[in-house]
PDB file of N, CA and C in Angstrom:
ATOM      1  N   MET A   1     114.720  97.847 120.359  1.00  0.00           N
ATOM      2  CA  MET A   1     114.334  98.594 119.167  1.00  0.00           C
ATOM      3  C   MET A   1     113.721  97.442 118.175  1.00  0.00           C
ATOM      4  N   THR A   2     112.505  97.707 117.848  1.00  0.00           N
ATOM      5  CA  THR A   2     111.904  96.649 116.958  1.00  0.00           C
ATOM      6  C   THR A   2     111.732  97.082 115.542  1.00  0.00           C
ATOM      7  N   GLY A   3     111.674  98.329 115.250  1.00  0.00           N
ATOM      8  CA  GLY A   3     111.460  98.787 113.900  1.00  0.00           C
ATOM      9  C   GLY A   3     112.704  99.487 113.361  1.00  0.00           C
ATOM     10  N   PRO A   4     112.766  99.864 112.142  1.00  0.00           N
ATOM     11  CA  PRO A   4     113.844 100.603 111.552  1.00  0.00           C
ATOM     12  C   PRO A   4     114.072 101.985 112.167  1.00  0.00           C
ATOM     13  N   THR A   5     115.277 102.361 112.196  1.00  0.00           N
ATOM     14  CA  THR A   5     115.566 103.685 112.623  1.00  0.00           C
ATOM     15  C   THR A   5     116.151 104.481 111.454  1.00  0.00           C
ATOM     16  N   ALA A   6     115.510 105.388 110.932  1.00  0.00           N
ATOM     17  CA  ALA A   6     115.969 106.229 109.808  1.00  0.00           C
ATOM     18  C   ALA A   6     117.149 107.076 110.365  1.00  0.00           C
ATOM     19  N   VAL A   7     118.210 107.035 109.664  1.00  0.00           N
ATOM     20  CA  VAL A   7     119.385 107.782 110.014  1.00  0.00           C
ATOM     21  C   VAL A   7     119.570 108.937 109.024  1.00  0.00           C
ATOM     22  N   SER A   8     120.163 110.052 109.438  1.00  0.00           N
ATOM     23  CA  SER A   8     120.327 111.160 108.520  1.00  0.00           C
ATOM     24  C   SER A   8     120.837 110.702 107.199  1.00  0.00           C
ATOM     25  N   ARG A   9     120.334 111.308 106.160  1.00  0.00           N
ATOM     26  CA  ARG A   9     120.690 110.903 104.778  1.00  0.00           C
ATOM     27  C   ARG A   9     121.984 111.556 104.400  1.00  0.00           C
ATOM     28  N   GLY A  10     122.860 110.864 103.576  1.00  0.00           N
ATOM     29  CA  GLY A  10     124.021 111.351 103.110  1.00  0.00           C
ATOM     30  C   GLY A  10     124.015 111.339 101.604  1.00  0.00           C
ATOM     31  N   THR A  11     125.200 111.718 101.021  1.00  0.00           N
ATOM     32  CA  THR A  11     125.276 111.622  99.548  1.00  0.00           C
ATOM     33  C   THR A  11     126.545 110.806  99.302  1.00  0.00           C
ATOM     34  N   HIS A  12     126.502 109.957  98.360  1.00  0.00           N
ATOM     35  CA  HIS A  12     127.614 109.133  97.953  1.00  0.00           C
ATOM     36  C   HIS A  12     127.836 109.370  96.465  1.00  0.00           C
ATOM     37  N   GLY A  13     129.155 109.643  96.043  1.00  0.00           N
ATOM     38  CA  GLY A  13     129.519 109.809  94.751  1.00  0.00           C
ATOM     39  C   GLY A  13     129.437 111.272  94.374  1.00  0.00           C
ATOM     40  N   ALA A  14     129.129 111.492  93.120  1.00  0.00           N
ATOM     41  CA  ALA A  14     129.228 112.858  92.536  1.00  0.00           C
ATOM     42  C   ALA A  14     128.025 113.714  93.162  1.00  0.00           C
ATOM     43  N   PRO A  15     128.304 115.010  93.212  1.00  0.00           N
ATOM     44  CA  PRO A  15     127.273 115.941  93.656  1.00  0.00           C
ATOM     45  C   PRO A  15     125.939 115.717  92.808  1.00  0.00           C
ATOM     46  N   GLY A  16     124.881 115.571  93.553  1.00  0.00           N
ATOM     47  CA  GLY A  16     123.569 115.457  92.839  1.00  0.00           C
ATOM     48  C   GLY A  16     123.297 113.962  92.499  1.00  0.00           C
ATOM     49  N   ALA A  17     124.260 113.083  92.641  1.00  0.00           N
ATOM     50  CA  ALA A  17     124.030 111.712  92.331  1.00  0.00           C
ATOM     51  C   ALA A  17     123.325 111.067  93.561  1.00  0.00           C
ATOM     52  N   PRO A  18     122.401 110.199  93.280  1.00  0.00           N
ATOM     53  CA  PRO A  18     121.768 109.479  94.437  1.00  0.00           C
ATOM     54  C   PRO A  18     122.695 108.658  95.247  1.00  0.00           C
ATOM     55  N   SER A  19     122.521 108.664  96.566  1.00  0.00           N
ATOM     56  CA  SER A  19     123.443 107.944  97.376  1.00  0.00           C
ATOM     57  C   SER A  19     122.974 106.408  97.503  1.00  0.00           C
ATOM     58  N   ALA A  20     124.005 105.557  97.672  1.00  0.00           N
ATOM     59  CA  ALA A  20     123.677 104.105  97.780  1.00  0.00           C
ATOM     60  C   ALA A  20     123.017 103.928  99.160  1.00  0.00           C
ATOM     61  N   LYS A  21     122.011 102.980  99.096  1.00  0.00           N
ATOM     62  CA  LYS A  21     121.201 102.690 100.321  1.00  0.00           C
ATOM     63  C   LYS A  21     121.837 101.512 100.999  1.00  0.00           C
ATOM     64  N   VAL A  22     122.359 101.727 102.266  1.00  0.00           N
ATOM     65  CA  VAL A  22     122.823 100.650 103.164  1.00  0.00           C
ATOM     66  C   VAL A  22     121.944 100.362 104.284  1.00  0.00           C
ATOM     67  N   LEU A  23     121.632  99.122 104.384  1.00  0.00           N
ATOM     68  CA  LEU A  23     120.843  98.647 105.501  1.00  0.00           C
ATOM     69  C   LEU A  23     121.790  97.913 106.595  1.00  0.00           C
ATOM     70  N   VAL A  24     121.787  98.576 107.776  1.00  0.00           N
ATOM     71  CA  VAL A  24     122.687  98.084 108.826  1.00  0.00           C
ATOM     72  C   VAL A  24     121.839  97.304 109.777  1.00  0.00           C
ATOM     73  N   VAL A  25     122.287  96.026 110.062  1.00  0.00           N
ATOM     74  CA  VAL A  25     121.497  95.207 110.988  1.00  0.00           C
ATOM     75  C   VAL A  25     122.396  94.746 112.115  1.00  0.00           C
ATOM     76  N   ASP A  26     122.113  95.170 113.360  1.00  0.00           N
ATOM     77  CA  ASP A  26     122.853  94.664 114.492  1.00  0.00           C
ATOM     78  C   ASP A  26     122.003  94.873 115.744  1.00  0.00           C
ATOM     79  N   ASP A  27     121.944  93.868 116.568  1.00  0.00           N
ATOM     80  CA  ASP A  27     121.116  93.960 117.834  1.00  0.00           C
ATOM     81  C   ASP A  27     121.644  94.790 118.840  1.00  0.00           C
ATOM     82  N   GLU A  28     122.934  95.086 118.818  1.00  0.00           N
ATOM     83  CA  GLU A  28     123.593  95.876 119.826  1.00  0.00           C
ATOM     84  C   GLU A  28     123.424  97.360 119.434  1.00  0.00           C
ATOM     85  N   HIS A  29     122.661  98.128 120.263  1.00  0.00           N
ATOM     86  CA  HIS A  29     122.357  99.578 119.950  1.00  0.00           C
ATOM     87  C   HIS A  29     123.621 100.351 119.663  1.00  0.00           C
ATOM     88  N   ALA A  30     124.584 100.333 120.477  1.00  0.00           N
ATOM     89  CA  ALA A  30     125.829 101.203 120.340  1.00  0.00           C
ATOM     90  C   ALA A  30     126.526 100.843 119.073  1.00  0.00           C
ATOM     91  N   VAL A  31     126.620  99.593 118.674  1.00  0.00           N
ATOM     92  CA  VAL A  31     127.274  99.117 117.448  1.00  0.00           C
ATOM     93  C   VAL A  31     126.430  99.526 116.220  1.00  0.00           C
ATOM     94  N   ARG A  32     125.112  99.390 116.357  1.00  0.00           N
ATOM     95  CA  ARG A  32     124.262  99.748 115.256  1.00  0.00           C
ATOM     96  C   ARG A  32     124.362 101.259 114.979  1.00  0.00           C
ATOM     97  N   GLU A  33     124.325 102.010 116.035  1.00  0.00           N
ATOM     98  CA  GLU A  33     124.345 103.474 115.849  1.00  0.00           C
ATOM     99  C   GLU A  33     125.735 103.995 115.303  1.00  0.00           C
ATOM    100  N   LEU A  34     126.739 103.318 115.791  1.00  0.00           N
ATOM    101  CA  LEU A  34     128.145 103.661 115.454  1.00  0.00           C
ATOM    102  C   LEU A  34     128.277 103.392 113.804  1.00  0.00           C
ATOM    103  N   LEU A  35     127.841 102.195 113.432  1.00  0.00           N
ATOM    104  CA  LEU A  35     127.911 101.822 112.041  1.00  0.00           C
ATOM    105  C   LEU A  35     127.009 102.774 111.152  1.00  0.00           C
ATOM    106  N   ALA A  36     125.907 103.071 111.605  1.00  0.00           N
ATOM    107  CA  ALA A  36     124.917 103.916 110.921  1.00  0.00           C
ATOM    108  C   ALA A  36     125.542 105.373 110.725  1.00  0.00           C
ATOM    109  N   GLU A  37     126.030 105.873 111.820  1.00  0.00           N
ATOM    110  CA  GLU A  37     126.646 107.222 111.717  1.00  0.00           C
ATOM    111  C   GLU A  37     127.864 107.246 110.836  1.00  0.00           C
ATOM    112  N   THR A  38     128.609 106.178 110.978  1.00  0.00           N
ATOM    113  CA  THR A  38     129.879 106.100 110.034  1.00  0.00           C
ATOM    114  C   THR A  38     129.473 106.068 108.627  1.00  0.00           C
ATOM    115  N   PHE A  39     128.508 105.263 108.292  1.00  0.00           N
ATOM    116  CA  PHE A  39     128.100 105.095 106.869  1.00  0.00           C
ATOM    117  C   PHE A  39     127.501 106.487 106.469  1.00  0.00           C
ATOM    118  N   ARG A  40     126.770 107.115 107.307  1.00  0.00           N
ATOM    119  CA  ARG A  40     126.168 108.372 106.958  1.00  0.00           C
ATOM    120  C   ARG A  40     127.208 109.401 106.656  1.00  0.00           C
ATOM    121  N   LEU A  41     128.209 109.461 107.500  1.00  0.00           N
ATOM    122  CA  LEU A  41     129.276 110.397 107.331  1.00  0.00           C
ATOM    123  C   LEU A  41     130.133 110.095 106.037  1.00  0.00           C
ATOM    124  N   ALA A  42     130.112 108.874 105.679  1.00  0.00           N
ATOM    125  CA  ALA A  42     130.857 108.378 104.442  1.00  0.00           C
ATOM    126  C   ALA A  42     130.044 108.759 103.194  1.00  0.00           C
ATOM    127  N   GLY A  43     128.782 109.163 103.374  1.00  0.00           N
ATOM    128  CA  GLY A  43     127.993 109.551 102.253  1.00  0.00           C
ATOM    129  C   GLY A  43     126.833 108.603 101.800  1.00  0.00           C
ATOM    130  N   PHE A  44     126.588 107.580 102.639  1.00  0.00           N
ATOM    131  CA  PHE A  44     125.572 106.606 102.230  1.00  0.00           C
ATOM    132  C   PHE A  44     124.234 107.052 102.856  1.00  0.00           C
ATOM    133  N   ASP A  45     123.135 106.443 102.210  1.00  0.00           N
ATOM    134  CA  ASP A  45     121.844 106.708 102.704  1.00  0.00           C
ATOM    135  C   ASP A  45     121.623 105.420 103.638  1.00  0.00           C
ATOM    136  N   VAL A  46     121.438 105.611 104.949  1.00  0.00           N
ATOM    137  CA  VAL A  46     121.452 104.483 105.890  1.00  0.00           C
ATOM    138  C   VAL A  46     120.093 104.339 106.657  1.00  0.00           C
ATOM    139  N   THR A  47     119.680 103.002 106.760  1.00  0.00           N
ATOM    140  CA  THR A  47     118.751 102.641 107.583  1.00  0.00           C
ATOM    141  C   THR A  47     119.267 101.585 108.497  1.00  0.00           C
ATOM    142  N   ALA A  48     118.974 101.715 109.765  1.00  0.00           N
ATOM    143  CA  ALA A  48     119.495 100.724 110.775  1.00  0.00           C
ATOM    144  C   ALA A  48     118.402 100.099 111.550  1.00  0.00           C
ATOM    145  N   VAL A  49     118.459  98.665 111.648  1.00  0.00           N
ATOM    146  CA  VAL A  49     117.491  97.895 112.355  1.00  0.00           C
ATOM    147  C   VAL A  49     118.220  96.978 113.322  1.00  0.00           C
ATOM    148  N   ALA A  50     117.427  96.412 114.252  1.00  0.00           N
ATOM    149  CA  ALA A  50     117.984  95.660 115.381  1.00  0.00           C
ATOM    150  C   ALA A  50     117.798  94.091 115.211  1.00  0.00           C
ATOM    151  N   SER A  51     117.043  93.599 114.199  1.00  0.00           N
ATOM    152  CA  SER A  51     116.717  92.238 114.158  1.00  0.00           C
ATOM    153  C   SER A  51     116.627  91.701 112.748  1.00  0.00           C
ATOM    154  N   GLY A  52     116.710  90.428 112.603  1.00  0.00           N
ATOM    155  CA  GLY A  52     116.527  89.745 111.292  1.00  0.00           C
ATOM    156  C   GLY A  52     115.147  89.987 110.715  1.00  0.00           C
ATOM    157  N   VAL A  53     114.134  89.981 111.590  1.00  0.00           N
ATOM    158  CA  VAL A  53     112.762  90.246 110.988  1.00  0.00           C
ATOM    159  C   VAL A  53     112.681  91.670 110.536  1.00  0.00           C
ATOM    160  N   ALA A  54     113.179  92.573 111.332  1.00  0.00           N
ATOM    161  CA  ALA A  54     113.136  94.019 110.942  1.00  0.00           C
ATOM    162  C   ALA A  54     113.922  94.247 109.583  1.00  0.00           C
ATOM    163  N   ALA A  55     115.078  93.456 109.509  1.00  0.00           N
ATOM    164  CA  ALA A  55     115.961  93.591 108.270  1.00  0.00           C
ATOM    165  C   ALA A  55     115.101  93.114 107.063  1.00  0.00           C
ATOM    166  N   LEU A  56     114.425  91.994 107.150  1.00  0.00           N
ATOM    167  CA  LEU A  56     113.617  91.450 105.987  1.00  0.00           C
ATOM    168  C   LEU A  56     112.480  92.427 105.629  1.00  0.00           C
ATOM    169  N   ASN A  57     111.790  92.908 106.740  1.00  0.00           N
ATOM    170  CA  ASN A  57     110.702  93.876 106.409  1.00  0.00           C
ATOM    171  C   ASN A  57     111.219  95.091 105.754  1.00  0.00           C
ATOM    172  N   THR A  58     112.317  95.664 106.264  1.00  0.00           N
ATOM    173  CA  THR A  58     112.827  96.865 105.666  1.00  0.00           C
ATOM    174  C   THR A  58     113.369  96.565 104.275  1.00  0.00           C
ATOM    175  N   ALA A  59     113.986  95.486 104.029  1.00  0.00           N
ATOM    176  CA  ALA A  59     114.523  95.136 102.741  1.00  0.00           C
ATOM    177  C   ALA A  59     113.331  95.079 101.610  1.00  0.00           C
ATOM    178  N   TYR A  60     112.310  94.584 102.161  1.00  0.00           N
ATOM    179  CA  TYR A  60     111.050  94.466 101.174  1.00  0.00           C
ATOM    180  C   TYR A  60     110.446  95.891 101.011  1.00  0.00           C
ATOM    181  N   ALA A  61     110.383  96.586 101.972  1.00  0.00           N
ATOM    182  CA  ALA A  61     109.678  98.016 101.911  1.00  0.00           C
ATOM    183  C   ALA A  61     110.648  98.964 101.091  1.00  0.00           C
ATOM    184  N   GLU A  62     111.851  98.982 101.430  1.00  0.00           N
ATOM    185  CA  GLU A  62     112.853  99.863 100.816  1.00  0.00           C
ATOM    186  C   GLU A  62     114.064  99.094 100.502  1.00  0.00           C
ATOM    187  N   PRO A  63     114.157  98.474  99.245  1.00  0.00           N
ATOM    188  CA  PRO A  63     115.268  97.636  98.911  1.00  0.00           C
ATOM    189  C   PRO A  63     116.617  98.426  99.051  1.00  0.00           C
ATOM    190  N   PRO A  64     117.501  97.900  99.805  1.00  0.00           N
ATOM    191  CA  PRO A  64     118.831  98.478  99.908  1.00  0.00           C
ATOM    192  C   PRO A  64     119.751  98.115  98.696  1.00  0.00           C
ATOM    193  N   ASP A  65     120.820  98.838  98.650  1.00  0.00           N
ATOM    194  CA  ASP A  65     121.816  98.449  97.619  1.00  0.00           C
ATOM    195  C   ASP A  65     122.864  97.482  98.290  1.00  0.00           C
ATOM    196  N   LEU A  66     122.913  97.416  99.529  1.00  0.00           N
ATOM    197  CA  LEU A  66     123.783  96.539 100.280  1.00  0.00           C
ATOM    198  C   LEU A  66     123.332  96.381 101.700  1.00  0.00           C
ATOM    199  N   VAL A  67     123.515  95.229 102.316  1.00  0.00           N
ATOM    200  CA  VAL A  67     123.153  94.969 103.716  1.00  0.00           C
ATOM    201  C   VAL A  67     124.441  94.678 104.475  1.00  0.00           C
ATOM    202  N   VAL A  68     124.595  95.354 105.590  1.00  0.00           N
ATOM    203  CA  VAL A  68     125.762  95.009 106.558  1.00  0.00           C
ATOM    204  C   VAL A  68     125.025  94.243 107.705  1.00  0.00           C
ATOM    205  N   LEU A  69     125.390  93.000 107.836  1.00  0.00           N
ATOM    206  CA  LEU A  69     124.607  92.098 108.677  1.00  0.00           C
ATOM    207  C   LEU A  69     125.473  91.501 109.772  1.00  0.00           C
ATOM    208  N   ASP A  70     124.957  91.758 111.003  1.00  0.00           N
ATOM    209  CA  ASP A  70     125.655  91.094 112.164  1.00  0.00           C
ATOM    210  C   ASP A  70     125.572  89.630 112.074  1.00  0.00           C
ATOM    211  N   ILE A  71     126.695  88.926 112.420  1.00  0.00           N
ATOM    212  CA  ILE A  71     126.747  87.454 112.273  1.00  0.00           C
ATOM    213  C   ILE A  71     125.716  86.870 113.255  1.00  0.00           C
ATOM    214  N   ARG A  72     125.602  87.411 114.449  1.00  0.00           N
ATOM    215  CA  ARG A  72     124.697  86.848 115.487  1.00  0.00           C
ATOM    216  C   ARG A  72     123.544  87.871 115.757  1.00  0.00           C
ATOM    217  N   LEU A  73     122.357  87.331 115.454  1.00  0.00           N
ATOM    218  CA  LEU A  73     121.122  88.102 115.764  1.00  0.00           C
ATOM    219  C   LEU A  73     120.301  87.250 116.692  1.00  0.00           C
ATOM    220  N   PRO A  74     119.564  87.896 117.576  1.00  0.00           N
ATOM    221  CA  PRO A  74     118.757  87.155 118.577  1.00  0.00           C
ATOM    222  C   PRO A  74     117.576  86.432 118.033  1.00  0.00           C
ATOM    223  N   ASP A  75     117.007  86.837 116.939  1.00  0.00           N
ATOM    224  CA  ASP A  75     115.859  86.233 116.405  1.00  0.00           C
ATOM    225  C   ASP A  75     115.971  85.398 115.150  1.00  0.00           C
ATOM    226  N   PHE A  76     117.067  85.514 114.418  1.00  0.00           N
ATOM    227  CA  PHE A  76     117.319  84.962 113.130  1.00  0.00           C
ATOM    228  C   PHE A  76     118.707  84.630 112.917  1.00  0.00           C
ATOM    229  N   ASP A  77     119.008  83.526 112.306  1.00  0.00           N
ATOM    230  CA  ASP A  77     120.367  83.236 111.836  1.00  0.00           C
ATOM    231  C   ASP A  77     120.638  84.256 110.680  1.00  0.00           C
ATOM    232  N   SER A  78     121.830  84.861 110.804  1.00  0.00           N
ATOM    233  CA  SER A  78     122.142  85.847 109.663  1.00  0.00           C
ATOM    234  C   SER A  78     122.281  85.222 108.360  1.00  0.00           C
ATOM    235  N   LEU A  79     122.751  84.000 108.295  1.00  0.00           N
ATOM    236  CA  LEU A  79     122.795  83.319 107.023  1.00  0.00           C
ATOM    237  C   LEU A  79     121.455  83.064 106.459  1.00  0.00           C
ATOM    238  N   GLU A  80     120.485  82.789 107.334  1.00  0.00           N
ATOM    239  CA  GLU A  80     119.128  82.621 106.846  1.00  0.00           C
ATOM    240  C   GLU A  80     118.501  83.853 106.357  1.00  0.00           C
ATOM    241  N   VAL A  81     118.774  84.956 106.934  1.00  0.00           N
ATOM    242  CA  VAL A  81     118.402  86.291 106.478  1.00  0.00           C
ATOM    243  C   VAL A  81     118.832  86.498 105.080  1.00  0.00           C
ATOM    244  N   ALA A  82     120.185  86.332 104.809  1.00  0.00           N
ATOM    245  CA  ALA A  82     120.810  86.449 103.518  1.00  0.00           C
ATOM    246  C   ALA A  82     120.213  85.431 102.481  1.00  0.00           C
ATOM    247  N   ARG A  83     119.923  84.226 102.903  1.00  0.00           N
ATOM    248  CA  ARG A  83     119.279  83.289 101.989  1.00  0.00           C
ATOM    249  C   ARG A  83     117.965  83.638 101.632  1.00  0.00           C
ATOM    250  N   ILE A  84     117.159  84.103 102.580  1.00  0.00           N
ATOM    251  CA  ILE A  84     115.756  84.510 102.293  1.00  0.00           C
ATOM    252  C   ILE A  84     115.791  85.666 101.166  1.00  0.00           C
ATOM    253  N   LEU A  85     116.577  86.607 101.453  1.00  0.00           N
ATOM    254  CA  LEU A  85     116.675  87.758 100.539  1.00  0.00           C
ATOM    255  C   LEU A  85     117.118  87.220  99.167  1.00  0.00           C
ATOM    256  N   ARG A  86     118.075  86.351  99.016  1.00  0.00           N
ATOM    257  CA  ARG A  86     118.503  85.812  97.723  1.00  0.00           C
ATOM    258  C   ARG A  86     117.402  84.968  97.107  1.00  0.00           C
ATOM    259  N   ASP A  87     116.815  84.072  97.877  1.00  0.00           N
ATOM    260  CA  ASP A  87     115.749  83.213  97.278  1.00  0.00           C
ATOM    261  C   ASP A  87     114.530  83.967  96.860  1.00  0.00           C
ATOM    262  N   ASP A  88     114.263  85.141  97.452  1.00  0.00           N
ATOM    263  CA  ASP A  88     113.114  86.005  97.023  1.00  0.00           C
ATOM    264  C   ASP A  88     113.510  86.878  95.781  1.00  0.00           C
ATOM    265  N   GLY A  89     114.643  86.659  95.217  1.00  0.00           N
ATOM    266  CA  GLY A  89     115.034  87.383  94.006  1.00  0.00           C
ATOM    267  C   GLY A  89     115.670  88.668  94.232  1.00  0.00           C
ATOM    268  N   ARG A  90     116.094  88.931  95.525  1.00  0.00           N
ATOM    269  CA  ARG A  90     116.701  90.220  95.866  1.00  0.00           C
ATOM    270  C   ARG A  90     118.229  89.964  95.811  1.00  0.00           C
ATOM    271  N   ASP A  91     118.893  90.394  94.714  1.00  0.00           N
ATOM    272  CA  ASP A  91     120.256  90.133  94.505  1.00  0.00           C
ATOM    273  C   ASP A  91     121.049  91.259  95.171  1.00  0.00           C
ATOM    274  N   VAL A  92     121.023  91.365  96.430  1.00  0.00           N
ATOM    275  CA  VAL A  92     121.612  92.459  97.240  1.00  0.00           C
ATOM    276  C   VAL A  92     122.841  91.898  97.929  1.00  0.00           C
ATOM    277  N   PRO A  93     124.025  92.603  97.764  1.00  0.00           N
ATOM    278  CA  PRO A  93     125.209  92.092  98.409  1.00  0.00           C
ATOM    279  C   PRO A  93     125.069  92.203  99.915  1.00  0.00           C
ATOM    280  N   VAL A  94     125.726  91.245 100.595  1.00  0.00           N
ATOM    281  CA  VAL A  94     125.617  91.256 102.060  1.00  0.00           C
ATOM    282  C   VAL A  94     127.048  91.201 102.579  1.00  0.00           C
ATOM    283  N   VAL A  95     127.380  92.107 103.476  1.00  0.00           N
ATOM    284  CA  VAL A  95     128.611  92.108 104.184  1.00  0.00           C
ATOM    285  C   VAL A  95     128.319  91.573 105.617  1.00  0.00           C
ATOM    286  N   PHE A  96     128.942  90.470 105.899  1.00  0.00           N
ATOM    287  CA  PHE A  96     128.706  89.867 107.297  1.00  0.00           C
ATOM    288  C   PHE A  96     129.682  90.586 108.266  1.00  0.00           C
ATOM    289  N   LEU A  97     129.100  91.010 109.401  1.00  0.00           N
ATOM    290  CA  LEU A  97     129.839  91.781 110.297  1.00  0.00           C
ATOM    291  C   LEU A  97     130.416  90.868 111.452  1.00  0.00           C
ATOM    292  N   PRO A  98     131.704  90.622 111.368  1.00  0.00           N
ATOM    293  CA  PRO A  98     132.332  89.830 112.455  1.00  0.00           C
ATOM    294  C   PRO A  98     132.462  90.570 113.719  1.00  0.00           C
ATOM    295  N   LYS A  99     132.645  89.943 114.818  1.00  0.00           N
ATOM    296  CA  LYS A  99     132.850  90.639 116.041  1.00  0.00           C
ATOM    297  C   LYS A  99     134.123  90.023 116.690  1.00  0.00           C
ATOM    298  N   PRO A 100     135.148  90.739 116.979  1.00  0.00           N
ATOM    299  CA  PRO A 100     135.200  92.213 116.802  1.00  0.00           C
ATOM    300  C   PRO A 100     135.494  92.544 115.316  1.00  0.00           C
ATOM    301  N   PHE A 101     135.326  93.842 114.981  1.00  0.00           N
ATOM    302  CA  PHE A 101     135.637  94.309 113.637  1.00  0.00           C
ATOM    303  C   PHE A 101     136.367  95.525 113.615  1.00  0.00           C
ATOM    304  N   VAL A 102     136.989  95.934 112.474  1.00  0.00           N
ATOM    305  CA  VAL A 102     137.689  97.113 112.305  1.00  0.00           C
ATOM    306  C   VAL A 102     136.802  98.052 111.392  1.00  0.00           C
ATOM    307  N   LEU A 103     136.259  99.094 111.966  1.00  0.00           N
ATOM    308  CA  LEU A 103     135.311  99.950 111.239  1.00  0.00           C
ATOM    309  C   LEU A 103     135.730 100.342 109.945  1.00  0.00           C
ATOM    310  N   GLU A 104     136.971 100.773 109.800  1.00  0.00           N
ATOM    311  CA  GLU A 104     137.552 101.252 108.457  1.00  0.00           C
ATOM    312  C   GLU A 104     137.470 100.153 107.536  1.00  0.00           C
ATOM    313  N   ASN A 105     137.812  98.860 107.894  1.00  0.00           N
ATOM    314  CA  ASN A 105     137.746  97.760 106.939  1.00  0.00           C
ATOM    315  C   ASN A 105     136.322  97.509 106.455  1.00  0.00           C
ATOM    316  N   ILE A 106     135.349  97.671 107.305  1.00  0.00           N
ATOM    317  CA  ILE A 106     133.952  97.453 106.899  1.00  0.00           C
ATOM    318  C   ILE A 106     133.576  98.526 105.844  1.00  0.00           C
ATOM    319  N   VAL A 107     133.831  99.799 106.144  1.00  0.00           N
ATOM    320  CA  VAL A 107     133.510 100.865 105.267  1.00  0.00           C
ATOM    321  C   VAL A 107     134.293 100.640 103.873  1.00  0.00           C
ATOM    322  N   THR A 108     135.518 100.216 103.896  1.00  0.00           N
ATOM    323  CA  THR A 108     136.269  99.974 102.591  1.00  0.00           C
ATOM    324  C   THR A 108     135.663  98.915 101.849  1.00  0.00           C
ATOM    325  N   ARG A 109     135.249  97.797 102.522  1.00  0.00           N
ATOM    326  CA  ARG A 109     134.664  96.655 101.798  1.00  0.00           C
ATOM    327  C   ARG A 109     133.385  97.064 101.163  1.00  0.00           C
ATOM    328  N   VAL A 110     132.501  97.846 101.898  1.00  0.00           N
ATOM    329  CA  VAL A 110     131.210  98.317 101.265  1.00  0.00           C
ATOM    330  C   VAL A 110     131.494  99.171 100.142  1.00  0.00           C
ATOM    331  N   ARG A 111     132.412 100.051 100.223  1.00  0.00           N
ATOM    332  CA  ARG A 111     132.740 100.963  99.075  1.00  0.00           C
ATOM    333  C   ARG A 111     133.181 100.098  97.810  1.00  0.00           C
ATOM    334  N   GLN A 112     134.089  99.175  98.135  1.00  0.00           N
ATOM    335  CA  GLN A 112     134.534  98.269  97.078  1.00  0.00           C
ATOM    336  C   GLN A 112     133.401  97.525  96.309  1.00  0.00           C
ATOM    337  N   ILE A 113     132.435  97.020  97.104  1.00  0.00           N
ATOM    338  CA  ILE A 113     131.394  96.320  96.560  1.00  0.00           C
ATOM    339  C   ILE A 113     130.471  97.108  95.719  1.00  0.00           C
ATOM    340  N   LEU A 114     130.171  98.366  96.235  1.00  0.00           N
ATOM    341  CA  LEU A 114     129.273  99.250  95.639  1.00  0.00           C
ATOM    342  C   LEU A 114     129.829  99.966  94.385  1.00  0.00           C
ATOM    343  N   THR A 115     131.116  99.931  94.170  1.00  0.00           N
ATOM    344  CA  THR A 115     131.757 100.632  93.023  1.00  0.00           C
ATOM    345  C   THR A 115     132.031  99.668  91.907  1.00  0.00           C
ATOM    346  N   VAL A 116     131.762  98.362  92.101  1.00  0.00           N
ATOM    347  CA  VAL A 116     131.986  97.342  91.070  1.00  0.00           C
ATOM    348  C   VAL A 116     130.971  97.280  90.074  1.00  0.00           C
TER     349      VAL A 116
END
């Protein structure tokens, strides 16, 4: 998958409030879809992509409120993706996705960051 996959939109927070935009970046299709669906069900507005290049293109086109970023990407070092976003003035929080991970812990961490 080379481009972003828009995932069903959810709502986060109070009824009528805009949902936080989460960009999920993982090259493994099953993991990417699991994360995207989980965040959607948790009420977030989710876009999921498979590569560092797609993550940067998506972040420029539709700036996210937070990025969930796989530690290992085939085309780009994940730390480099985060650095490029930061250096370009995009002060977006990044949650690095370790492997293996506990899904509940990732969702909890994202919620903590976005409610601060």
